[in-house]
Amino acid sequence: MKNIILMRVLVYPILLAAGTVFVMGMSGCGTSGMSGVVNVRPDGQMESRVKIDNRFLYSNIKFTDLRSTFSGDLLVAHASMISTKNAALDVQYKFRWYDAQGLEVAPDAAPWQPLKLYGGDTKGLQAVAPNPSVKEFKIEIRYTQ
């Protein structure tokens, strides 16, 4: 009986606190730079391809597809996202382009694009890389309120 009471008083709160810290760490609980999707590349490396700038958007937008193809020697990025919120969301998005060394290519080549997402709405986004040196992409989403 003493062992059960000891576990309830000492062990359970420690396990609960450790579990909370683990879940918060895994969910990206900072307010900027949160990753919405983690992809596994063919070489087995994982990378984050989505950056969402605030907690509200992070919890109300989910990406259902992220992929790239080539059209000639230019990378074409495809992204599908869904709003899990019942009301409309006004957001902006921007594709970022990276070369084989992971360096950003033409960071100011394209402006932020406005996008209105209605409740349960799914949107497909597509963009073409600015030049043939691009091998990877990321997409950023920000809330425009």
C-alpha atoms as a PDB file:
ATOM      1  CA  MET A   1       0.000   0.000   0.000  1.00  0.00           C
ATOM      2  CA  LYS A   2       2.853   2.391   0.841  1.00  0.00           C
ATOM      3  CA  ASN A   3       4.424   1.690  -2.558  1.00  0.00           C
ATOM      4  CA  ILE A   4       1.224   2.672  -4.395  1.00  0.00           C
ATOM      5  CA  ILE A   5       0.923   5.903  -2.412  1.00  0.00           C
ATOM      6  CA  LEU A   6       4.625   6.642  -2.978  1.00  0.00           C
ATOM      7  CA  MET A   7       4.170   6.135  -6.750  1.00  0.00           C
ATOM      8  CA  ARG A   8       1.142   8.440  -6.843  1.00  0.00           C
ATOM      9  CA  VAL A   9       2.881  11.148  -4.851  1.00  0.00           C
ATOM     10  CA  LEU A  10       6.402  11.021  -6.345  1.00  0.00           C
ATOM     11  CA  VAL A  11       6.594   9.051  -9.586  1.00  0.00           C
ATOM     12  CA  TYR A  12       3.410  10.080 -11.442  1.00  0.00           C
ATOM     13  CA  PRO A  13       4.043  13.858 -11.224  1.00  0.00           C
ATOM     14  CA  ILE A  14       7.622  13.369 -12.471  1.00  0.00           C
ATOM     15  CA  LEU A  15       6.432  11.230 -15.400  1.00  0.00           C
ATOM     16  CA  LEU A  16       3.699  13.752 -16.205  1.00  0.00           C
ATOM     17  CA  ALA A  17       6.189  16.646 -16.200  1.00  0.00           C
ATOM     18  CA  ALA A  18       8.683  14.724 -18.339  1.00  0.00           C
ATOM     19  CA  GLY A  19       5.963  13.770 -20.817  1.00  0.00           C
ATOM     20  CA  THR A  20       4.768  17.380 -21.039  1.00  0.00           C
ATOM     21  CA  VAL A  21       8.286  18.652 -21.698  1.00  0.00           C
ATOM     22  CA  PHE A  22       8.784  15.972 -24.365  1.00  0.00           C
ATOM     23  CA  VAL A  23       5.501  16.748 -26.152  1.00  0.00           C
ATOM     24  CA  MET A  24       6.149  20.500 -26.052  1.00  0.00           C
ATOM     25  CA  GLY A  25       9.625  19.980 -27.461  1.00  0.00           C
ATOM     26  CA  MET A  26       8.338  17.753 -30.253  1.00  0.00           C
ATOM     27  CA  SER A  27       5.514  20.122 -31.194  1.00  0.00           C
ATOM     28  CA  GLY A  28       7.702  23.158 -31.810  1.00  0.00           C
ATOM     29  CA  CYS A  29       6.199  25.350 -29.158  1.00  0.00           C
ATOM     30  CA  GLY A  30       8.082  28.544 -30.029  1.00  0.00           C
ATOM     31  CA  THR A  31       6.158  31.322 -31.713  1.00  0.00           C
ATOM     32  CA  SER A  32       8.226  31.526 -34.868  1.00  0.00           C
ATOM     33  CA  GLY A  33       9.825  29.074 -37.217  1.00  0.00           C
ATOM     34  CA  MET A  34       7.423  26.259 -36.404  1.00  0.00           C
ATOM     35  CA  SER A  35       7.573  23.349 -38.779  1.00  0.00           C
ATOM     36  CA  GLY A  36       4.318  22.020 -40.119  1.00  0.00           C
ATOM     37  CA  VAL A  37       5.572  19.010 -42.081  1.00  0.00           C
ATOM     38  CA  VAL A  38       8.686  16.907 -41.908  1.00  0.00           C
ATOM     39  CA  ASN A  39       9.564  15.055 -45.094  1.00  0.00           C
ATOM     40  CA  VAL A  40      11.926  12.159 -45.550  1.00  0.00           C
ATOM     41  CA  ARG A  41      14.068  12.560 -48.647  1.00  0.00           C
ATOM     42  CA  PRO A  42      15.049   9.544 -50.784  1.00  0.00           C
ATOM     43  CA  ASP A  43      18.490   9.514 -49.134  1.00  0.00           C
ATOM     44  CA  GLY A  44      16.794   9.015 -45.749  1.00  0.00           C
ATOM     45  CA  GLN A  45      17.509  12.486 -44.356  1.00  0.00           C
ATOM     46  CA  MET A  46      14.623  14.346 -42.789  1.00  0.00           C
ATOM     47  CA  GLU A  47      14.062  18.006 -43.464  1.00  0.00           C
ATOM     48  CA  SER A  48      11.472  20.558 -42.609  1.00  0.00           C
ATOM     49  CA  ARG A  49       9.933  22.128 -45.682  1.00  0.00           C
ATOM     50  CA  VAL A  50       7.267  24.297 -44.036  1.00  0.00           C
ATOM     51  CA  LYS A  51       7.709  27.326 -41.819  1.00  0.00           C
ATOM     52  CA  ILE A  52       4.629  28.808 -40.161  1.00  0.00           C
ATOM     53  CA  ASP A  53       5.116  32.084 -38.326  1.00  0.00           C
ATOM     54  CA  ASN A  54       2.676  31.749 -35.419  1.00  0.00           C
ATOM     55  CA  ARG A  55       0.946  29.245 -33.157  1.00  0.00           C
ATOM     56  CA  PHE A  56      -2.579  30.129 -34.348  1.00  0.00           C
ATOM     57  CA  LEU A  57      -1.782  29.268 -37.968  1.00  0.00           C
ATOM     58  CA  TYR A  58       0.269  26.255 -36.953  1.00  0.00           C
ATOM     59  CA  SER A  59      -2.791  24.743 -35.298  1.00  0.00           C
ATOM     60  CA  ASN A  60      -5.225  25.676 -38.105  1.00  0.00           C
ATOM     61  CA  ILE A  61      -3.325  24.803 -41.304  1.00  0.00           C
ATOM     62  CA  LYS A  62      -2.103  21.351 -42.259  1.00  0.00           C
ATOM     63  CA  PHE A  63      -0.097  20.366 -45.311  1.00  0.00           C
ATOM     64  CA  THR A  64      -1.309  17.204 -46.997  1.00  0.00           C
ATOM     65  CA  ASP A  65       1.226  17.054 -49.827  1.00  0.00           C
ATOM     66  CA  LEU A  66       4.650  18.511 -50.566  1.00  0.00           C
ATOM     67  CA  ARG A  67       6.613  17.419 -53.598  1.00  0.00           C
ATOM     68  CA  SER A  68       8.740  18.651 -56.428  1.00  0.00           C
ATOM     69  CA  THR A  69       9.212  17.763 -60.061  1.00  0.00           C
ATOM     70  CA  PHE A  70      11.397  19.124 -62.822  1.00  0.00           C
ATOM     71  CA  SER A  71      10.201  20.875 -65.939  1.00  0.00           C
ATOM     72  CA  GLY A  72      13.258  20.807 -68.143  1.00  0.00           C
ATOM     73  CA  ASP A  73      16.031  21.932 -65.784  1.00  0.00           C
ATOM     74  CA  LEU A  74      13.777  24.001 -63.467  1.00  0.00           C
ATOM     75  CA  LEU A  75      12.398  22.651 -60.189  1.00  0.00           C
ATOM     76  CA  VAL A  76       8.617  22.960 -59.811  1.00  0.00           C
ATOM     77  CA  ALA A  77       7.322  22.923 -56.213  1.00  0.00           C
ATOM     78  CA  HIS A  78       3.849  21.627 -55.357  1.00  0.00           C
ATOM     79  CA  ALA A  79       2.135  22.019 -51.981  1.00  0.00           C
ATOM     80  CA  SER A  80      -1.400  21.163 -50.832  1.00  0.00           C
ATOM     81  CA  MET A  81      -2.754  22.653 -47.642  1.00  0.00           C
ATOM     82  CA  ILE A  82      -6.039  22.466 -45.781  1.00  0.00           C
ATOM     83  CA  SER A  83      -7.635  24.833 -43.284  1.00  0.00           C
ATOM     84  CA  THR A  84      -8.868  23.035 -40.188  1.00  0.00           C
ATOM     85  CA  LYS A  85     -10.541  26.192 -38.871  1.00  0.00           C
ATOM     86  CA  ASN A  86     -14.257  26.817 -39.472  1.00  0.00           C
ATOM     87  CA  ALA A  87     -13.796  30.514 -40.296  1.00  0.00           C
ATOM     88  CA  ALA A  88     -11.845  32.164 -43.118  1.00  0.00           C
ATOM     89  CA  LEU A  89      -8.107  32.725 -42.730  1.00  0.00           C
ATOM     90  CA  ASP A  90      -6.160  35.451 -44.509  1.00  0.00           C
ATOM     91  CA  VAL A  91      -2.573  34.338 -44.986  1.00  0.00           C
ATOM     92  CA  GLN A  92       0.398  34.978 -47.218  1.00  0.00           C
ATOM     93  CA  TYR A  93       2.823  32.406 -48.559  1.00  0.00           C
ATOM     94  CA  LYS A  94       6.217  32.453 -50.192  1.00  0.00           C
ATOM     95  CA  PHE A  95       8.363  29.732 -51.716  1.00  0.00           C
ATOM     96  CA  ARG A  96      12.056  29.793 -50.799  1.00  0.00           C
ATOM     97  CA  TRP A  97      14.613  28.200 -53.124  1.00  0.00           C
ATOM     98  CA  TYR A  98      17.892  26.457 -52.217  1.00  0.00           C
ATOM     99  CA  ASP A  99      20.814  25.128 -54.229  1.00  0.00           C
ATOM    100  CA  ALA A 100      22.574  21.770 -53.726  1.00  0.00           C
ATOM    101  CA  GLN A 101      24.701  23.247 -50.903  1.00  0.00           C
ATOM    102  CA  GLY A 102      21.613  24.480 -49.026  1.00  0.00           C
ATOM    103  CA  LEU A 103      22.207  28.158 -49.827  1.00  0.00           C
ATOM    104  CA  GLU A 104      19.165  30.281 -50.578  1.00  0.00           C
ATOM    105  CA  VAL A 105      18.830  31.305 -54.214  1.00  0.00           C
ATOM    106  CA  ALA A 106      17.239  34.651 -55.193  1.00  0.00           C
ATOM    107  CA  PRO A 107      15.630  35.386 -51.785  1.00  0.00           C
ATOM    108  CA  ASP A 108      13.846  38.488 -53.041  1.00  0.00           C
ATOM    109  CA  ALA A 109      12.836  37.158 -56.463  1.00  0.00           C
ATOM    110  CA  ALA A 110       9.136  36.768 -55.625  1.00  0.00           C
ATOM    111  CA  PRO A 111       6.866  38.738 -53.266  1.00  0.00           C
ATOM    112  CA  TRP A 112       4.610  37.274 -50.595  1.00  0.00           C
ATOM    113  CA  GLN A 113       1.398  35.973 -52.186  1.00  0.00           C
ATOM    114  CA  PRO A 114      -1.999  36.570 -50.513  1.00  0.00           C
ATOM    115  CA  LEU A 115      -4.292  33.606 -49.956  1.00  0.00           C
ATOM    116  CA  LYS A 116      -7.735  33.318 -48.379  1.00  0.00           C
ATOM    117  CA  LEU A 117      -8.572  29.933 -46.867  1.00  0.00           C
ATOM    118  CA  TYR A 118     -12.173  29.197 -45.945  1.00  0.00           C
ATOM    119  CA  GLY A 119     -13.155  26.641 -43.321  1.00  0.00           C
ATOM    120  CA  GLY A 120     -12.177  23.151 -44.460  1.00  0.00           C
ATOM    121  CA  ASP A 121     -10.835  24.584 -47.715  1.00  0.00           C
ATOM    122  CA  THR A 122      -8.000  22.808 -49.529  1.00  0.00           C
ATOM    123  CA  LYS A 123      -5.625  24.826 -51.700  1.00  0.00           C
ATOM    124  CA  GLY A 124      -2.930  23.689 -54.054  1.00  0.00           C
ATOM    125  CA  LEU A 125       0.106  25.948 -54.416  1.00  0.00           C
ATOM    126  CA  GLN A 126       2.702  25.735 -57.140  1.00  0.00           C
ATOM    127  CA  ALA A 127       5.800  27.704 -58.070  1.00  0.00           C
ATOM    128  CA  VAL A 128       8.707  27.384 -60.485  1.00  0.00           C
ATOM    129  CA  ALA A 129      12.287  27.914 -59.310  1.00  0.00           C
ATOM    130  CA  PRO A 130      13.989  31.098 -60.568  1.00  0.00           C
ATOM    131  CA  ASN A 131      16.959  29.244 -62.111  1.00  0.00           C
ATOM    132  CA  PRO A 132      18.422  25.760 -62.748  1.00  0.00           C
ATOM    133  CA  SER A 133      20.724  25.812 -59.717  1.00  0.00           C
ATOM    134  CA  VAL A 134      17.708  25.256 -57.410  1.00  0.00           C
ATOM    135  CA  LYS A 135      17.472  21.715 -56.012  1.00  0.00           C
ATOM    136  CA  GLU A 136      15.212  22.143 -52.939  1.00  0.00           C
ATOM    137  CA  PHE A 137      12.374  24.358 -51.758  1.00  0.00           C
ATOM    138  CA  LYS A 138      10.653  25.431 -48.577  1.00  0.00           C
ATOM    139  CA  ILE A 139       7.380  27.252 -48.138  1.00  0.00           C
ATOM    140  CA  GLU A 140       6.646  29.938 -45.546  1.00  0.00           C
ATOM    141  CA  ILE A 141       3.184  30.892 -44.353  1.00  0.00           C
ATOM    142  CA  ARG A 142       2.349  34.006 -42.347  1.00  0.00           C
ATOM    143  CA  TYR A 143      -0.860  35.342 -40.864  1.00  0.00           C
ATOM    144  CA  THR A 144      -2.123  38.682 -42.175  1.00  0.00           C
ATOM    145  CA  GLN A 145      -4.990  39.116 -39.648  1.00  0.00           C
END
